[in-house]
Amino acid sequence: MNHPRIVIEARFSIERRRIEARIVDMTSPTEHILAFLPESGTLLLANPREQLSVRASGDAEDLMVVRLAPALLVETAARLRLHRVGAHLLFRQTLEKLEAGARIRSMLETIEDEIAGGAPGWREVIGSLIQQLAIHLLRAHVDVRRADDVELSRVGMVDRRLRRAIEFMHDNCGRELRLGEIAGVAYLSPFHFARLFKKIVGVPPHAYLAALRIERARRLLAETDLSISEVGARVGYEHQSHFTKIFRAATGLAPRAFRAAAMENARKKEEITEQTE
């Protein structure tokens, strides 16, 4: 795997790249993250808002990262009759090295082969494999926990006490947001809002907002032809150099390299569509 490759769909995304002997940190405000190191068979899981750190076992190692949107897991769990109102879906073992197991390893390796090969129907095959992966994760790695204050909103699973504020952050992450303005949406003082947010979400409001902006930027880079500076502006960064620095620190790739990896697979899809018409 010499060049990074990125696939972004509505309910999941996949990144394949090679990491050197340094720590790669990743997080998402809403998505569950699965990191797979195929050479060692190591699997790492992270729930939304948890920071996952991955280090190559040698000088360099291949890395696959799968991000699953909350709607994918919730709807799959509902079909399996594992989910109920007021339940919270969480990986039970996170931020520690696990053995991938034959089934998960086979699915992830097949996904990798499909992305690399780009044969007709490769996106449909990947979508089916991601659905199978979600089912296996729900069976083997996810706890369904009762949480009366947690509900499914249009931005994922949130605590109802913070729902208005979190949806406000999602809707307005492209501009400067002050703590007082966000707290006001939740009808709390900045002090009490910041304490409640950190207690419930696990990170301060500004850290959640920063992760949200990176998540939005990833999709804009992959799905639009906006310039790098325009993407940065859309997610609240006035200066391109600042956006590039923040994005590289969060993803391990500069915005231009991230876009190139995503666009490579988008072009592959277009070429296959033209060949079959």
Foldseek 3Di string as FASTA:
>chain_A
DDAWAKADDPFKIKIKDKDFQDKAKAAAQFWKKWKAFLVVQKIAIDHHPDIAIDGDPHGMTMMMMMIGGQVLLQVLCVVVVNADFQKDKDFPDHNDIDRCDDVNSVLVVVLVVLLVVLDPCSVVSNVVSVSVVSVVCSVPTIDTHGHNQWGQDPRHIDGVLQVQLVVVLLVPQLADDDLQNSCVSSVHGSVVVQVVCCVGSVDGPVVNSLSSLLVQLLCCLLPHPDDQCVSCNRRHHNDSVVVQVSNCSHGVDGSVSSSVSNVVSVVSNVVSVVVVD
